[in-house]
Amino acid sequence: MSKEPSISGSAATQHMAERDRTTRAVGESVTDYPQMIAPVNDIEPVPRRVRAFLGGAVVLDTTSALYVWEWPNYPQYYIPLADVNPAVLVDEERPEHLSRGAAKRHGLRAGEIARPGAAHVYTDDALEGLAGTVRFEWAALDAWFEEDEEVFVHPRNPYVRVDALRSKRTVRVELDGVVLAESSSPVMVFETGLPTRYYLDRTAVSFDHLVPTETVTSCPYKGRTSGYWSVCIGEELYPDLAWAYDFPTRQLLPIAGLIAFYNEKVDLTVDGERLERPTTHFS
């Protein structure tokens, strides 16, 4: 398994140069937030107990999971086969060669619930450290837990920090020249790999231009959204530009009930300075 890298001297210079090249390559925009650091195919131990359920049945229960970074933003869990309930695994007798090596495709069955192709059991011809582990499709299972707390969407990245800080900066949100919100008491959310998000009191938001939608999304760090809004300006409708978490995770309680907008899709001014629209996978 790989160890946490130590960067010093010329290696640090090379690392920073590489990050500069990456920053310029992303839409030629400059980011003002830290980027992800784990390389693809990095493998690290998970110190937490991990469980997952399907139809009331325990599918896996382990304290020996692995983090595997399939892309830089976050890892997936790879679970020792010995810690998977054999009663729910269905061998589909379909060997496959994946990017991390040879694996046998399996389905899941719990009572009347079937999830074909939901798991891959890695064999000896796999990336070092992955033989005898199982990679599950996250959405194929009903619920995942780290210790006794439910986790949404994907595992939490151990190298990601998410802080919600109260501020007195003045934040104005505009679109097509129309002011959508303005506040001098935002809660700023700093999340590794993403631009700063500005959560504003509902009394600071102009709901004249907001149209509620049925959209619900989840985040492993914040929980499930309780509301989404599109923005309507004249005849133009901009879908799902704002959201709220009325009941966020305990770590993000300061954002409860507040509303944020996608920096990538609106014009933000902070303390009189217009911010560039960042380029991310939400753009």
Protein backbone atom coordinates (compact mmCIF):
# COMPACT_ATOMS: atom_id res chain seq x y z
CA MET A 1 0.00 0.00 0.00
CA SER A 2 1.18 3.50 -0.71
CA LYS A 3 2.29 5.81 2.07
CA GLU A 4 1.38 9.44 2.52
CA PRO A 5 3.83 11.34 0.31
CA SER A 6 6.37 13.72 1.78
CA ILE A 7 7.25 16.61 -0.52
CA SER A 8 10.38 18.67 0.08
CA GLY A 9 13.09 20.57 -1.77
CA SER A 10 13.14 20.18 -5.54
CA ALA A 11 10.23 17.73 -5.33
CA ALA A 12 8.11 20.47 -3.79
CA THR A 13 9.07 22.85 -6.59
CA GLN A 14 8.16 20.25 -9.19
CA HIS A 15 4.85 19.57 -7.39
CA MET A 16 3.94 23.27 -7.36
CA ALA A 17 4.88 23.65 -11.03
CA GLU A 18 2.67 20.72 -11.93
CA ARG A 19 -0.22 22.23 -9.96
CA ASP A 20 0.30 25.57 -11.73
CA ARG A 21 0.09 23.82 -15.10
CA THR A 22 -3.06 22.01 -13.99
CA THR A 23 -4.67 25.24 -12.77
CA ARG A 24 -4.00 27.00 -16.06
CA ALA A 25 -5.35 24.02 -18.00
CA VAL A 26 -8.77 24.11 -16.32
CA GLY A 27 -10.59 26.60 -18.48
CA GLU A 28 -7.52 28.86 -18.10
CA SER A 29 -9.03 30.13 -14.86
CA VAL A 30 -7.09 30.57 -11.63
CA THR A 31 -8.42 28.76 -8.57
CA ASP A 32 -8.16 30.25 -5.11
CA TYR A 33 -8.75 27.03 -3.19
CA PRO A 34 -6.65 23.91 -2.49
CA GLN A 35 -6.81 21.02 -4.92
CA MET A 36 -7.04 17.28 -4.31
CA ILE A 37 -3.73 15.56 -3.56
CA ALA A 38 -4.30 11.78 -3.81
CA PRO A 39 -3.17 10.26 -7.12
CA VAL A 40 -5.36 7.85 -9.07
CA ASN A 41 -4.93 4.25 -7.86
CA ASP A 42 -3.62 5.34 -4.48
CA ILE A 43 -4.59 2.72 -1.87
CA GLU A 44 -4.89 3.44 1.85
CA PRO A 45 -6.39 1.59 4.85
CA VAL A 46 -9.76 2.70 6.24
CA PRO A 47 -9.61 2.96 10.06
CA ARG A 48 -13.42 3.15 10.36
CA ARG A 49 -15.96 0.37 10.59
CA VAL A 50 -17.89 0.26 7.30
CA ARG A 51 -21.28 -1.38 6.82
CA ALA A 52 -23.83 -1.48 4.02
CA PHE A 53 -27.36 -2.86 3.79
CA LEU A 54 -29.80 -4.09 1.14
CA GLY A 55 -33.42 -4.96 1.85
CA GLY A 56 -32.71 -5.13 5.56
CA ALA A 57 -29.85 -7.60 5.09
CA VAL A 58 -26.28 -6.81 6.07
CA VAL A 59 -24.23 -6.98 2.87
CA LEU A 60 -20.87 -6.09 4.37
CA ASP A 61 -19.43 -5.33 7.80
CA THR A 62 -15.71 -4.65 8.04
CA THR A 63 -12.97 -2.82 9.89
CA SER A 64 -10.47 -3.70 7.14
CA ALA A 65 -11.76 -1.77 4.13
CA LEU A 66 -9.44 0.00 1.71
CA TYR A 67 -9.71 3.45 0.19
CA VAL A 68 -8.97 3.28 -3.55
CA TRP A 69 -8.83 6.51 -5.53
CA GLU A 70 -10.38 5.75 -8.91
CA TRP A 71 -10.20 9.47 -9.69
CA PRO A 72 -8.65 12.34 -7.70
CA ASN A 73 -11.77 13.79 -6.06
CA TYR A 74 -12.67 10.96 -3.70
CA PRO A 75 -12.00 7.25 -3.08
CA GLN A 76 -14.21 4.18 -3.21
CA TYR A 77 -14.34 1.40 -0.64
CA TYR A 78 -12.86 -1.97 -1.53
CA ILE A 79 -14.08 -4.58 0.94
CA PRO A 80 -12.33 -7.85 1.92
CA LEU A 81 -14.34 -10.75 0.51
CA ALA A 82 -14.22 -12.43 3.92
CA ASP A 83 -16.26 -9.51 5.35
CA VAL A 84 -19.04 -9.74 2.74
CA ASN A 85 -22.19 -11.76 3.43
CA PRO A 86 -21.89 -14.70 0.99
CA ALA A 87 -25.67 -15.23 1.06
CA VAL A 88 -26.25 -12.02 -0.91
CA LEU A 89 -23.49 -12.42 -3.51
CA VAL A 90 -24.56 -14.00 -6.82
CA ASP A 91 -21.72 -15.10 -9.10
CA GLU A 92 -22.75 -14.11 -12.63
CA GLU A 93 -19.84 -16.12 -14.08
CA ARG A 94 -18.63 -13.13 -16.06
CA PRO A 95 -14.90 -12.53 -15.65
CA GLU A 96 -13.92 -9.00 -16.65
CA HIS A 97 -10.64 -7.16 -17.07
CA LEU A 98 -11.01 -3.71 -15.51
CA SER A 99 -8.58 -0.83 -15.20
CA ARG A 100 -7.41 -2.17 -11.84
CA GLY A 101 -7.10 -5.78 -13.01
CA ALA A 102 -9.10 -8.96 -13.41
CA ALA A 103 -12.39 -9.32 -11.52
CA LYS A 104 -15.47 -11.54 -11.46
CA ARG A 105 -18.79 -9.78 -11.83
CA HIS A 106 -21.41 -10.52 -9.18
CA GLY A 107 -24.97 -9.49 -8.51
CA LEU A 108 -26.69 -9.02 -5.17
CA ARG A 109 -29.85 -10.67 -3.92
CA ALA A 110 -31.65 -9.99 -0.64
CA GLY A 111 -35.11 -11.53 -0.44
CA GLU A 112 -37.06 -10.29 -3.46
CA ILE A 113 -34.52 -7.55 -4.23
CA ALA A 114 -31.99 -8.23 -6.99
CA ARG A 115 -29.14 -5.96 -8.10
CA PRO A 116 -27.39 -7.45 -11.14
CA GLY A 117 -23.80 -6.42 -11.84
CA ALA A 118 -23.53 -4.58 -8.52
CA ALA A 119 -20.18 -5.96 -7.37
CA HIS A 120 -16.80 -7.01 -8.71
CA VAL A 121 -14.59 -9.47 -6.84
CA TYR A 122 -10.94 -8.88 -7.70
CA THR A 123 -8.74 -11.90 -8.38
CA ASP A 124 -4.98 -12.47 -8.15
CA ASP A 125 -4.38 -10.57 -11.40
CA ALA A 126 -5.32 -7.21 -9.86
CA LEU A 127 -3.56 -4.08 -8.73
CA GLU A 128 -1.25 -4.88 -5.81
CA GLY A 129 -3.28 -5.05 -2.61
CA LEU A 130 -6.69 -5.50 -4.26
CA ALA A 131 -6.81 -9.27 -4.78
CA GLY A 132 -9.61 -10.74 -2.68
CA THR A 133 -11.48 -7.46 -2.32
CA VAL A 134 -14.95 -6.50 -3.53
CA ARG A 135 -15.88 -3.22 -5.16
CA PHE A 136 -19.62 -2.43 -4.89
CA GLU A 137 -21.68 0.01 -6.90
CA TRP A 138 -22.61 2.54 -4.23
CA ALA A 139 -26.18 3.18 -5.42
CA ALA A 140 -26.97 -0.55 -5.59
CA LEU A 141 -27.13 -0.67 -1.79
CA ASP A 142 -29.81 0.92 0.36
CA ALA A 143 -27.51 2.57 2.90
CA TRP A 144 -23.84 2.86 3.85
CA PHE A 145 -22.47 3.63 7.31
CA GLU A 146 -19.12 4.72 8.70
CA GLU A 147 -19.31 3.58 12.31
CA ASP A 148 -22.96 4.48 13.17
CA GLU A 149 -23.33 7.50 10.88
CA GLU A 150 -24.89 7.18 7.43
CA VAL A 151 -22.71 8.29 4.52
CA PHE A 152 -24.19 9.54 1.26
CA VAL A 153 -23.05 9.36 -2.39
CA HIS A 154 -19.49 8.10 -1.82
CA PRO A 155 -16.94 7.64 0.98
CA ARG A 156 -15.66 10.75 2.67
CA ASN A 157 -12.21 11.64 1.41
CA PRO A 158 -9.78 11.52 4.37
CA TYR A 159 -7.77 14.33 2.74
CA VAL A 160 -10.75 16.67 2.39
CA ARG A 161 -11.55 19.30 4.98
CA VAL A 162 -14.93 21.07 5.07
CA ASP A 163 -15.34 24.08 7.37
CA ALA A 164 -18.41 26.30 7.81
CA LEU A 165 -17.36 29.69 9.16
CA ARG A 166 -19.52 32.69 10.00
CA SER A 167 -18.35 35.91 8.39
CA LYS A 168 -19.12 39.64 8.10
CA ARG A 169 -18.08 39.90 4.48
CA THR A 170 -20.67 41.48 2.21
CA VAL A 171 -21.79 39.05 -0.47
CA ARG A 172 -23.99 39.98 -3.44
CA VAL A 173 -25.40 37.41 -5.88
CA GLU A 174 -26.46 38.58 -9.35
CA LEU A 175 -27.53 37.07 -12.63
CA ASP A 176 -28.15 38.99 -15.86
CA GLY A 177 -27.82 42.19 -13.85
CA VAL A 178 -30.56 41.21 -11.37
CA VAL A 179 -29.67 41.05 -7.68
CA LEU A 180 -30.77 37.69 -6.28
CA ALA A 181 -29.35 38.03 -2.78
CA GLU A 182 -27.19 40.31 -0.63
CA SER A 183 -25.94 39.73 2.90
CA SER A 184 -23.27 40.89 5.33
CA SER A 185 -23.60 37.81 7.53
CA PRO A 186 -22.84 34.82 5.29
CA VAL A 187 -21.63 31.43 6.39
CA MET A 188 -18.67 30.53 4.19
CA VAL A 189 -18.05 26.86 3.45
CA PHE A 190 -14.46 25.99 2.63
CA GLU A 191 -14.21 22.53 1.05
CA THR A 192 -11.05 21.06 -0.40
CA GLY A 193 -11.26 20.87 -4.18
CA LEU A 194 -14.21 23.28 -4.53
CA PRO A 195 -14.63 27.05 -4.60
CA THR A 196 -15.84 28.74 -1.42
CA ARG A 197 -19.62 28.51 -1.09
CA TYR A 198 -21.55 31.40 0.45
CA TYR A 199 -24.64 30.41 2.45
CA LEU A 200 -27.04 33.31 3.04
CA ASP A 201 -30.02 33.92 5.33
CA ARG A 202 -33.35 33.44 3.55
CA THR A 203 -34.30 37.00 4.46
CA ALA A 204 -31.36 38.15 2.30
CA VAL A 205 -32.62 36.26 -0.78
CA SER A 206 -35.07 37.67 -3.34
CA PHE A 207 -37.58 34.87 -3.76
CA ASP A 208 -39.32 36.90 -6.49
CA HIS A 209 -36.95 35.23 -8.94
CA LEU A 210 -36.67 31.78 -7.33
CA VAL A 211 -38.82 28.86 -8.41
CA PRO A 212 -38.80 25.73 -6.18
CA THR A 213 -38.03 22.41 -7.88
CA GLU A 214 -38.25 18.74 -6.92
CA THR A 215 -34.48 18.23 -7.12
CA VAL A 216 -32.80 16.49 -4.19
CA THR A 217 -29.07 15.87 -3.97
CA SER A 218 -26.82 14.37 -1.33
CA CYS A 219 -23.32 15.12 -0.12
CA PRO A 220 -21.15 12.90 2.09
CA TYR A 221 -20.06 15.94 4.10
CA LYS A 222 -23.30 17.94 4.35
CA GLY A 223 -26.14 15.41 4.07
CA ARG A 224 -29.30 15.67 1.92
CA THR A 225 -30.64 18.90 0.51
CA SER A 226 -34.07 20.04 1.65
CA GLY A 227 -34.72 22.44 -1.21
CA TYR A 228 -33.61 23.49 -4.68
CA TRP A 229 -34.60 26.56 -6.66
CA SER A 230 -34.32 27.57 -10.30
CA VAL A 231 -33.93 31.24 -11.17
CA CYS A 232 -36.43 32.95 -13.46
CA ILE A 233 -35.45 36.26 -15.05
CA GLY A 234 -37.87 37.51 -17.69
CA GLU A 235 -38.53 34.61 -20.03
CA GLU A 236 -35.30 32.82 -19.10
CA LEU A 237 -35.28 29.93 -16.62
CA TYR A 238 -31.95 28.83 -15.14
CA PRO A 239 -32.47 25.40 -13.55
CA ASP A 240 -31.38 24.46 -10.05
CA LEU A 241 -29.01 27.33 -9.24
CA ALA A 242 -29.66 27.48 -5.48
CA TRP A 243 -30.08 24.95 -2.69
CA ALA A 244 -30.44 24.56 1.07
CA TYR A 245 -29.77 21.99 3.79
CA ASP A 246 -32.34 22.41 6.55
CA PHE A 247 -30.90 19.43 8.44
CA PRO A 248 -27.19 19.15 7.55
CA THR A 249 -24.69 16.85 9.21
CA ARG A 250 -23.62 17.96 12.68
CA GLN A 251 -20.24 19.14 11.32
CA LEU A 252 -22.02 21.63 9.01
CA LEU A 253 -24.76 22.83 11.37
CA PRO A 254 -23.98 26.53 10.73
CA ILE A 255 -25.49 26.24 7.22
CA ALA A 256 -28.84 24.88 8.45
CA GLY A 257 -31.69 26.64 6.66
CA LEU A 258 -29.40 28.95 4.65
CA ILE A 259 -29.32 29.21 0.84
CA ALA A 260 -26.30 28.97 -1.46
CA PHE A 261 -25.88 29.56 -5.18
CA TYR A 262 -23.53 27.90 -7.66
CA ASN A 263 -20.55 30.24 -8.06
CA GLU A 264 -20.10 28.64 -11.47
CA LYS A 265 -23.48 29.90 -12.73
CA VAL A 266 -24.08 33.29 -11.07
CA ASP A 267 -22.08 36.48 -10.55
CA LEU A 268 -20.70 36.89 -7.04
CA THR A 269 -19.32 40.08 -5.53
CA VAL A 270 -17.53 39.82 -2.16
CA ASP A 271 -16.64 43.03 -0.33
CA GLY A 272 -16.98 44.97 -3.57
CA GLU A 273 -14.80 42.64 -5.66
CA ARG A 274 -16.44 40.71 -8.50
CA LEU A 275 -15.29 37.09 -8.49
CA GLU A 276 -14.54 35.10 -11.61
CA ARG A 277 -16.89 32.22 -12.25
CA PRO A 278 -14.85 29.12 -11.43
CA THR A 279 -14.73 26.08 -13.70
CA THR A 280 -15.62 22.83 -11.92
CA HIS A 281 -17.59 19.66 -12.66
CA PHE A 282 -20.69 21.69 -11.63
CA SER A 283 -20.16 24.26 -14.40
